[in-house]
Amino acid sequence: MVDPIHVPSTRNLVSTAGLRGVAHHVVEDGLRDRGQWITPAALPNGVRVLVATVPLETAKALLADPRLSKDSADLTAALRAQGVAEEEVNGMFAPSVLMSNPPTHGRLRGLISTAFAPRRVRALRSRVERIAAELVAALPVDEPVDLMDRLASPLPLIVISELLGLPRSDHDRLRAWTDALMAESPDVSPQATRDMTAYMAEAIEHKRRHPDDGLLSALVQVGVDGDRLTPEELLGNAFILVVAGHETTANAIGNALALLLAADAAGWREVVAHPEEIPRVVDEALRVDNGVRNAPHRVATEDFDVLGATVRAGELVLINIGAANRDPAVHGADAALFRPARATAAQHISFGHGVHYCLGAQLARLEVNTVLRELSTRHPRARLAVQAPRRRDSSIMNPYAALPVVLPS
């Protein structure tokens, strides 16, 4: 096993690897191309993990491997064994559809999936389009505007909040908490976990007394296969739905915009000229620069090998999405490049694989497609205001800290 490298941020990963000024995906793809399939790493809170930078088919196999547990109790035990405080484990690692194995996972997914069924997503289309239109119409012209702050982040947060039945007046707080959680900093993440957990517990109790048509009320009021969700399951699912329903889609929107507006904005001009190609463009953006950097924590329940590298029971594993998505054996020698017309664009694991395939994948696609269509229609001459937008540090997510763009009048 090689000496550990740190993967929480572009800056740390690059400097540790001895590559200055190179994006983290270059390093992670390099690990894959050298056959360094499993790399020990440390997260900002000191948690030791193994990062799997493997080819696409191997990544799919790992995402579906029952020897890599997503069970809340297993993950909590592994984290506490490394000295992680209980307050840092709550919330994100509470029992939920994301933090569970079959058959519990199927029981939880059964109820929640109804909110994301194709017919429900189709019914949401007009609402998503109205929200996007309002946000785009409010953007200033002829001066730099941060599209992460004004468009990419607000849209999915408004949509998931309305879906759950959370008031719009709470959006700023929810956004601040999710940002702090994704920072994975011992200075801010524990407090954000406490605050958001308390908020969700209060919201659940309010929905219990005053039910409405939102998903959170449905989770409180309706049983799953004859059973009601436990208090811990209610809290865990509410927590995950807000974080995953907002943060991942915001990143996907920002990354797609950055790719299209890069260099001389040739990609943007193609979208303007051929809006019917937007779904294919979105898949290629998701593939080459996904909003999630590493599939979150899994814990090995037994020893096993990955392409000759050994994973030991009790070790935490992150599966690198980007290295798998940019597999040259699947996408060719130029796999790391953004090619909107790429025939293999849809062959990616940006929404996961297996039983944990993202419940909100169709909704996320709808939101990204809608933003690109609305913004390109209103602002066909949009351009980046800076040459290289700044990334936000995260070992799990892959976001821009800001995306300054000029929208000529």
Protein backbone atom coordinates (compact mmCIF):
# COMPACT_ATOMS: atom_id res chain seq x y z
CA MET A 1 0.00 0.00 0.00
CA VAL A 2 1.35 3.44 -0.90
CA ASP A 3 1.86 6.24 1.59
CA PRO A 4 -1.38 8.08 2.41
CA ILE A 5 -2.42 11.12 0.45
CA HIS A 6 -5.03 13.65 1.52
CA VAL A 7 -8.08 13.98 -0.70
CA PRO A 8 -10.35 16.52 1.02
CA SER A 9 -9.54 19.36 -1.34
CA THR A 10 -8.00 20.15 -4.68
CA ARG A 11 -5.27 22.11 -2.95
CA ASN A 12 -4.20 19.35 -0.57
CA LEU A 13 -4.46 16.53 -3.05
CA VAL A 14 -2.51 18.41 -5.70
CA SER A 15 0.27 19.60 -3.39
CA THR A 16 0.69 16.19 -1.76
CA ALA A 17 0.92 14.55 -5.17
CA GLY A 18 3.53 17.08 -6.29
CA LEU A 19 1.38 18.52 -9.07
CA ARG A 20 0.89 22.26 -8.75
CA GLY A 21 -1.99 23.94 -10.53
CA VAL A 22 -3.58 20.68 -11.69
CA ALA A 23 -7.25 19.91 -11.04
CA HIS A 24 -7.99 17.03 -8.68
CA HIS A 25 -9.50 14.91 -11.47
CA VAL A 26 -6.09 14.81 -13.17
CA VAL A 27 -4.58 13.25 -10.05
CA GLU A 28 -7.47 10.83 -9.52
CA ASP A 29 -7.47 9.76 -13.16
CA GLY A 30 -3.73 9.33 -12.87
CA LEU A 31 -4.14 6.94 -9.94
CA ARG A 32 -6.59 4.90 -12.02
CA ASP A 33 -4.36 4.89 -15.10
CA ARG A 34 -1.37 3.73 -13.03
CA GLY A 35 -3.40 0.86 -11.61
CA GLN A 36 -3.33 2.35 -8.11
CA TRP A 37 -6.83 1.15 -7.40
CA ILE A 38 -7.00 1.70 -3.62
CA THR A 39 -5.38 4.69 -1.90
CA PRO A 40 -5.45 5.43 1.84
CA ALA A 41 -6.47 8.99 2.64
CA ALA A 42 -7.48 11.24 5.52
CA LEU A 43 -10.60 13.43 5.63
CA PRO A 44 -10.60 16.89 7.25
CA ASN A 45 -12.00 15.49 10.49
CA GLY A 46 -9.18 12.94 10.67
CA VAL A 47 -11.24 9.94 9.55
CA ARG A 48 -9.13 7.43 7.64
CA VAL A 49 -10.66 6.09 4.43
CA LEU A 50 -9.68 4.17 1.33
CA VAL A 51 -10.37 5.88 -2.00
CA ALA A 52 -11.16 3.55 -4.91
CA THR A 53 -10.06 5.03 -8.24
CA VAL A 54 -11.11 2.12 -10.43
CA PRO A 55 -12.48 1.57 -13.95
CA LEU A 56 -16.19 2.03 -14.59
CA GLU A 57 -17.26 -1.62 -14.44
CA THR A 58 -15.31 -2.20 -11.22
CA ALA A 59 -16.88 0.91 -9.68
CA LYS A 60 -20.33 -0.41 -10.56
CA ALA A 61 -19.48 -3.71 -8.93
CA LEU A 62 -18.28 -1.96 -5.76
CA LEU A 63 -21.38 0.24 -5.57
CA ALA A 64 -23.52 -2.91 -5.65
CA ASP A 65 -21.26 -5.12 -3.50
CA PRO A 66 -23.02 -6.31 -0.30
CA ARG A 67 -19.63 -6.59 1.41
CA LEU A 68 -19.54 -2.77 1.43
CA SER A 69 -22.24 -1.89 3.93
CA LYS A 70 -24.28 1.31 3.89
CA ASP A 71 -26.04 0.42 7.14
CA SER A 72 -26.25 3.29 9.60
CA ALA A 73 -25.22 1.15 12.58
CA ASP A 74 -22.21 -0.30 10.73
CA LEU A 75 -21.05 3.13 9.60
CA THR A 76 -21.60 4.68 13.01
CA ALA A 77 -19.55 1.93 14.66
CA ALA A 78 -16.71 2.37 12.16
CA LEU A 79 -16.65 6.13 12.67
CA ARG A 80 -16.76 5.91 16.44
CA ALA A 81 -13.95 3.36 16.34
CA GLN A 82 -11.86 6.14 14.80
CA GLY A 83 -12.81 8.56 17.57
CA VAL A 84 -15.48 10.56 15.75
CA ALA A 85 -17.73 12.28 18.29
CA GLU A 86 -21.37 11.17 18.49
CA GLU A 87 -22.61 14.64 17.50
CA GLU A 88 -20.70 14.39 14.20
CA VAL A 89 -22.25 11.01 13.41
CA ASN A 90 -25.87 12.13 13.90
CA GLY A 91 -27.84 13.52 10.98
CA MET A 92 -25.90 12.45 7.90
CA PHE A 93 -25.38 8.92 9.25
CA ALA A 94 -28.78 8.44 10.87
CA PRO A 95 -30.91 5.55 9.54
CA SER A 96 -32.23 6.57 6.12
CA VAL A 97 -32.81 5.34 2.59
CA LEU A 98 -29.17 6.29 1.89
CA MET A 99 -27.74 4.79 5.07
CA SER A 100 -29.30 1.32 4.97
CA ASN A 101 -28.89 -2.12 3.42
CA PRO A 102 -31.57 -4.46 2.05
CA PRO A 103 -34.14 -5.37 3.24
CA THR A 104 -34.45 -2.18 5.33
CA HIS A 105 -33.42 -0.13 2.32
CA GLY A 106 -36.29 -1.52 0.24
CA ARG A 107 -38.77 -0.77 3.02
CA LEU A 108 -37.65 2.87 3.25
CA ARG A 109 -37.33 3.38 -0.49
CA GLY A 110 -40.85 2.06 -1.04
CA LEU A 111 -42.52 5.11 0.46
CA ILE A 112 -40.05 7.80 -0.50
CA SER A 113 -39.82 6.70 -4.13
CA THR A 114 -43.45 7.65 -4.73
CA ALA A 115 -42.47 11.31 -4.44
CA PHE A 116 -39.93 10.86 -7.24
CA ALA A 117 -41.94 8.59 -9.55
CA PRO A 118 -41.86 9.61 -13.24
CA ARG A 119 -45.46 10.88 -13.15
CA ARG A 120 -44.71 13.05 -10.10
CA VAL A 121 -41.59 14.47 -11.74
CA ARG A 122 -43.57 15.25 -14.90
CA ALA A 123 -46.13 17.03 -12.75
CA LEU A 124 -43.33 19.11 -11.22
CA ARG A 125 -42.00 20.23 -14.61
CA SER A 126 -44.11 23.39 -14.86
CA ARG A 127 -43.23 24.41 -11.30
CA VAL A 128 -39.51 23.88 -11.90
CA GLU A 129 -39.77 25.91 -15.12
CA ARG A 130 -41.52 28.78 -13.32
CA ILE A 131 -38.93 28.88 -10.53
CA ALA A 132 -36.07 28.83 -13.04
CA ALA A 133 -37.69 31.58 -15.09
CA GLU A 134 -38.13 33.76 -12.00
CA LEU A 135 -34.53 33.26 -10.90
CA VAL A 136 -33.11 33.95 -14.36
CA ALA A 137 -35.31 37.03 -14.82
CA ALA A 138 -33.94 38.47 -11.57
CA LEU A 139 -30.28 38.19 -12.63
CA PRO A 140 -28.46 41.49 -13.24
CA VAL A 141 -27.02 42.14 -16.70
CA ASP A 142 -23.76 43.70 -17.90
CA GLU A 143 -21.98 43.02 -14.61
CA PRO A 144 -20.54 39.91 -12.95
CA VAL A 145 -23.13 37.76 -11.19
CA ASP A 146 -22.43 34.58 -9.22
CA LEU A 147 -24.62 31.91 -10.81
CA MET A 148 -23.91 29.47 -7.96
CA ASP A 149 -25.37 31.94 -5.47
CA ARG A 150 -28.21 33.29 -7.59
CA LEU A 151 -29.31 30.28 -9.68
CA ALA A 152 -27.61 26.90 -9.26
CA SER A 153 -28.09 26.70 -5.47
CA PRO A 154 -31.51 28.36 -5.03
CA LEU A 155 -33.38 26.33 -7.66
CA PRO A 156 -32.92 22.82 -6.21
CA LEU A 157 -33.28 24.12 -2.65
CA ILE A 158 -36.63 25.74 -3.48
CA VAL A 159 -37.81 22.58 -5.26
CA ILE A 160 -36.85 20.11 -2.52
CA SER A 161 -38.19 22.41 0.20
CA GLU A 162 -41.55 22.73 -1.56
CA LEU A 163 -41.61 18.97 -2.11
CA LEU A 164 -41.04 18.35 1.59
CA GLY A 165 -43.32 21.18 2.71
CA LEU A 166 -40.64 23.35 4.34
CA PRO A 167 -41.17 27.14 4.33
CA ARG A 168 -39.24 29.31 1.90
CA SER A 169 -38.30 31.58 4.78
CA ASP A 170 -36.00 28.82 6.06
CA HIS A 171 -33.98 28.47 2.84
CA ASP A 172 -31.04 30.59 3.96
CA ARG A 173 -30.60 28.52 7.09
CA LEU A 174 -30.88 25.21 5.25
CA ARG A 175 -28.37 26.32 2.66
CA ALA A 176 -25.89 27.50 5.28
CA TRP A 177 -26.15 24.20 7.15
CA THR A 178 -25.65 22.05 4.05
CA ASP A 179 -22.65 24.17 3.03
CA ALA A 180 -21.13 23.67 6.48
CA LEU A 181 -21.80 19.93 6.41
CA MET A 182 -20.12 19.56 3.02
CA ALA A 183 -17.07 21.45 4.31
CA GLU A 184 -16.43 18.45 6.63
CA SER A 185 -14.63 20.79 9.00
CA PRO A 186 -14.48 20.01 12.71
CA ASP A 187 -14.84 23.75 13.27
CA VAL A 188 -18.25 24.16 11.60
CA SER A 189 -19.74 20.76 10.65
CA PRO A 190 -20.66 19.52 14.16
CA GLN A 191 -22.60 22.70 14.95
CA ALA A 192 -24.36 22.55 11.58
CA THR A 193 -25.31 18.93 12.31
CA ARG A 194 -26.75 19.89 15.71
CA ASP A 195 -28.66 22.86 14.32
CA MET A 196 -30.09 21.03 11.34
CA THR A 197 -31.01 17.98 13.42
CA ALA A 198 -32.91 20.20 15.87
CA TYR A 199 -34.63 22.01 13.00
CA MET A 200 -35.72 18.74 11.34
CA ALA A 201 -36.97 17.30 14.62
CA GLU A 202 -39.08 20.41 15.17
CA ALA A 203 -40.38 20.30 11.57
CA ILE A 204 -41.35 16.64 11.95
CA GLU A 205 -43.24 17.36 15.14
CA HIS A 206 -45.02 20.29 13.47
CA LYS A 207 -46.09 18.07 10.55
CA ARG A 208 -47.35 15.50 13.04
CA ARG A 209 -49.68 18.10 14.55
CA HIS A 210 -50.45 19.98 11.33
CA PRO A 211 -50.17 17.62 8.36
CA ASP A 212 -50.17 18.97 4.80
CA ASP A 213 -49.62 17.63 1.28
CA GLY A 214 -45.81 17.66 1.48
CA LEU A 215 -43.54 14.64 1.52
CA LEU A 216 -42.44 15.24 5.12
CA SER A 217 -46.06 14.94 6.28
CA ALA A 218 -46.37 11.74 4.26
CA LEU A 219 -43.30 10.31 5.97
CA VAL A 220 -44.76 11.19 9.36
CA GLN A 221 -48.31 10.00 8.71
CA VAL A 222 -48.00 7.03 6.39
CA GLY A 223 -46.63 3.60 7.19
CA VAL A 224 -44.33 1.51 5.00
CA ASP A 225 -45.50 -2.05 4.39
CA GLY A 226 -47.73 -1.78 7.44
CA ASP A 227 -45.05 -0.22 9.64
CA ARG A 228 -44.46 3.40 10.49
CA LEU A 229 -41.05 4.91 10.24
CA THR A 230 -39.21 5.11 13.55
CA PRO A 231 -38.31 8.57 14.92
CA GLU A 232 -34.70 7.93 13.92
CA GLU A 233 -35.72 6.95 10.38
CA LEU A 234 -37.93 10.02 10.04
CA LEU A 235 -35.12 12.30 11.08
CA GLY A 236 -32.49 10.56 8.95
CA ASN A 237 -34.58 10.61 5.79
CA ALA A 238 -35.62 14.25 6.22
CA PHE A 239 -31.98 15.20 6.76
CA ILE A 240 -30.70 13.30 3.71
CA LEU A 241 -33.48 14.47 1.40
CA VAL A 242 -32.63 18.13 2.05
CA VAL A 243 -28.86 17.69 1.72
CA ALA A 244 -28.87 15.34 -1.27
CA GLY A 245 -31.83 17.02 -2.96
CA HIS A 246 -30.12 20.40 -2.85
CA GLU A 247 -26.34 20.10 -2.79
CA THR A 248 -25.76 17.49 -5.49
CA THR A 249 -28.05 19.15 -8.04
CA ALA A 250 -26.65 22.61 -7.35
CA ASN A 251 -23.17 21.27 -8.08
CA ALA A 252 -24.37 19.55 -11.26
CA ILE A 253 -25.91 22.80 -12.52
CA GLY A 254 -22.80 24.83 -11.72
CA ASN A 255 -20.43 22.31 -13.29
CA ALA A 256 -22.50 22.07 -16.49
CA LEU A 257 -22.58 25.86 -16.82
CA ALA A 258 -18.83 26.14 -16.23
CA LEU A 259 -18.06 23.51 -18.87
CA LEU A 260 -20.28 25.17 -21.46
CA LEU A 261 -18.99 28.67 -20.77
CA ALA A 262 -15.32 27.69 -20.60
CA ALA A 263 -12.70 28.96 -23.05
CA ASP A 264 -14.51 30.90 -25.78
CA ALA A 265 -17.97 29.64 -24.74
CA ALA A 266 -18.23 27.46 -27.86
CA GLY A 267 -20.27 24.93 -25.91
CA TRP A 268 -22.71 27.63 -24.85
CA ARG A 269 -23.17 28.77 -28.43
CA GLU A 270 -23.94 25.19 -29.44
CA VAL A 271 -26.63 24.95 -26.76
CA VAL A 272 -28.11 28.25 -27.91
CA ALA A 273 -28.18 27.05 -31.52
CA HIS A 274 -29.38 23.51 -30.76
CA PRO A 275 -31.47 23.43 -27.56
CA GLU A 276 -32.79 20.00 -28.53
CA GLU A 277 -29.32 18.65 -27.69
CA ILE A 278 -29.44 19.81 -24.07
CA PRO A 279 -30.28 16.34 -22.60
CA ARG A 280 -27.18 14.86 -24.27
CA VAL A 281 -25.09 17.84 -23.14
CA VAL A 282 -26.27 17.31 -19.56
CA ASP A 283 -25.24 13.65 -19.62
CA GLU A 284 -21.77 14.56 -20.89
CA ALA A 285 -21.43 17.25 -18.21
CA LEU A 286 -22.53 14.78 -15.52
CA ARG A 287 -20.01 12.28 -16.84
CA VAL A 288 -16.95 14.46 -17.16
CA ASP A 289 -17.43 16.73 -14.11
CA ASN A 290 -20.08 15.29 -11.84
CA GLY A 291 -21.40 17.21 -8.84
CA VAL A 292 -20.34 14.36 -6.52
CA ARG A 293 -16.63 13.63 -6.29
CA ASN A 294 -16.72 10.43 -4.23
CA ALA A 295 -19.66 8.16 -3.45
CA PRO A 296 -20.01 8.55 0.34
CA HIS A 297 -18.86 6.22 3.05
CA ARG A 298 -19.22 2.48 2.88
CA VAL A 299 -17.70 0.08 5.41
CA ALA A 300 -16.24 -3.32 4.55
CA THR A 301 -17.89 -6.17 6.44
CA GLU A 302 -15.16 -8.66 5.48
CA ASP A 303 -11.76 -8.76 3.81
CA PHE A 304 -11.84 -8.81 0.00
CA ASP A 305 -9.70 -7.88 -2.99
CA VAL A 306 -10.24 -5.14 -5.56
CA LEU A 307 -8.18 -5.82 -8.68
CA GLY A 308 -5.46 -7.29 -6.49
CA ALA A 309 -5.61 -4.63 -3.75
CA THR A 310 -6.94 -5.68 -0.34
CA VAL A 311 -9.74 -4.01 1.59
CA ARG A 312 -9.93 -5.09 5.23
CA ALA A 313 -13.06 -5.58 7.32
CA GLY A 314 -13.94 -2.37 9.17
CA GLU A 315 -12.24 -0.04 6.68
CA LEU A 316 -14.23 2.88 5.27
CA VAL A 317 -14.31 3.15 1.47
CA LEU A 318 -15.08 6.08 -0.84
CA ILE A 319 -15.63 5.20 -4.50
CA ASN A 320 -14.32 7.93 -6.79
CA ILE A 321 -17.03 8.78 -9.30
CA GLY A 322 -14.94 10.90 -11.64
CA ALA A 323 -12.17 8.37 -12.28
CA ALA A 324 -14.80 5.76 -13.18
CA ASN A 325 -16.81 8.16 -15.37
CA ARG A 326 -13.69 9.16 -17.29
CA ASP A 327 -12.59 5.58 -17.96
CA PRO A 328 -10.73 5.65 -21.32
CA ALA A 329 -11.60 2.01 -21.93
CA VAL A 330 -15.26 3.10 -22.17
CA HIS A 331 -15.03 6.65 -23.53
CA GLY A 332 -11.77 6.65 -25.50
CA ALA A 333 -8.43 8.38 -25.11
CA ASP A 334 -10.10 11.79 -24.75
CA ALA A 335 -12.37 10.61 -21.90
CA ALA A 336 -11.31 13.51 -19.65
CA LEU A 337 -12.46 16.09 -22.19
CA PHE A 338 -15.96 17.58 -22.45
CA ARG A 339 -17.40 16.49 -25.79
CA PRO A 340 -21.16 17.24 -25.93
CA ALA A 341 -21.64 14.99 -28.97
CA ARG A 342 -19.95 11.98 -27.32
CA ALA A 343 -21.87 8.79 -28.17
CA THR A 344 -21.03 7.17 -24.81
CA ALA A 345 -22.01 10.19 -22.68
CA ALA A 346 -24.81 8.35 -20.86
CA GLN A 347 -22.44 5.62 -19.62
CA HIS A 348 -21.66 7.02 -16.18
CA ILE A 349 -22.37 6.44 -12.50
CA SER A 350 -23.08 10.03 -11.53
CA PHE A 351 -26.37 8.93 -9.95
CA GLY A 352 -24.90 5.77 -8.45
CA HIS A 353 -25.58 2.17 -9.34
CA GLY A 354 -27.49 -0.75 -7.89
CA VAL A 355 -30.06 -0.48 -5.10
CA HIS A 356 -28.73 2.93 -4.07
CA TYR A 357 -29.23 4.50 -7.49
CA CYS A 358 -30.34 8.06 -6.80
CA LEU A 359 -34.06 8.40 -6.10
CA GLY A 360 -34.04 11.95 -7.38
CA ALA A 361 -32.12 11.32 -10.63
CA GLN A 362 -35.03 12.28 -12.90
CA LEU A 363 -35.78 15.39 -10.88
CA ALA A 364 -32.11 16.41 -10.94
CA ARG A 365 -31.95 15.95 -14.71
CA LEU A 366 -35.10 18.04 -15.08
CA GLU A 367 -33.59 20.86 -13.02
CA VAL A 368 -30.26 20.92 -14.87
CA ASN A 369 -31.99 20.75 -18.28
CA THR A 370 -34.39 23.53 -17.30
CA VAL A 371 -31.63 25.89 -16.14
CA LEU A 372 -29.63 25.41 -19.33
CA ARG A 373 -32.67 25.94 -21.53
CA GLU A 374 -33.94 29.01 -19.64
CA LEU A 375 -30.58 30.74 -19.28
CA SER A 376 -29.44 30.04 -22.87
CA THR A 377 -32.75 31.36 -24.22
CA ARG A 378 -32.58 34.62 -22.24
CA HIS A 379 -28.81 35.12 -22.34
CA PRO A 380 -27.31 33.60 -25.50
CA ARG A 381 -24.12 35.69 -25.15
CA ALA A 382 -23.32 34.71 -21.55
CA ARG A 383 -19.63 34.41 -20.71
CA LEU A 384 -17.46 33.64 -17.71
CA ALA A 385 -16.26 36.70 -15.82
CA VAL A 386 -13.08 34.92 -14.65
CA GLN A 387 -10.78 32.51 -16.43
CA ALA A 388 -10.77 29.82 -13.73
CA PRO A 389 -13.71 29.78 -11.28
CA ARG A 390 -12.72 28.74 -7.77
CA ARG A 391 -13.69 25.33 -6.41
CA ARG A 392 -14.98 24.71 -2.90
CA ASP A 393 -13.05 22.17 -0.82
CA SER A 394 -14.83 18.86 -0.24
CA SER A 395 -13.90 15.19 -0.26
CA ILE A 396 -17.46 14.11 -1.16
CA MET A 397 -18.87 16.91 -3.30
CA ASN A 398 -17.37 18.55 -6.38
CA PRO A 399 -18.67 22.15 -6.28
CA TYR A 400 -17.65 25.58 -7.41
CA ALA A 401 -17.40 28.10 -4.59
CA ALA A 402 -18.58 30.75 -7.03
CA LEU A 403 -19.32 30.99 -10.73
CA PRO A 404 -18.99 34.65 -11.82
CA VAL A 405 -20.66 35.18 -15.21
CA VAL A 406 -21.49 38.25 -17.27
CA LEU A 407 -24.87 38.32 -18.99
CA PRO A 408 -24.73 40.98 -21.74
CA SER A 409 -27.95 42.93 -22.27
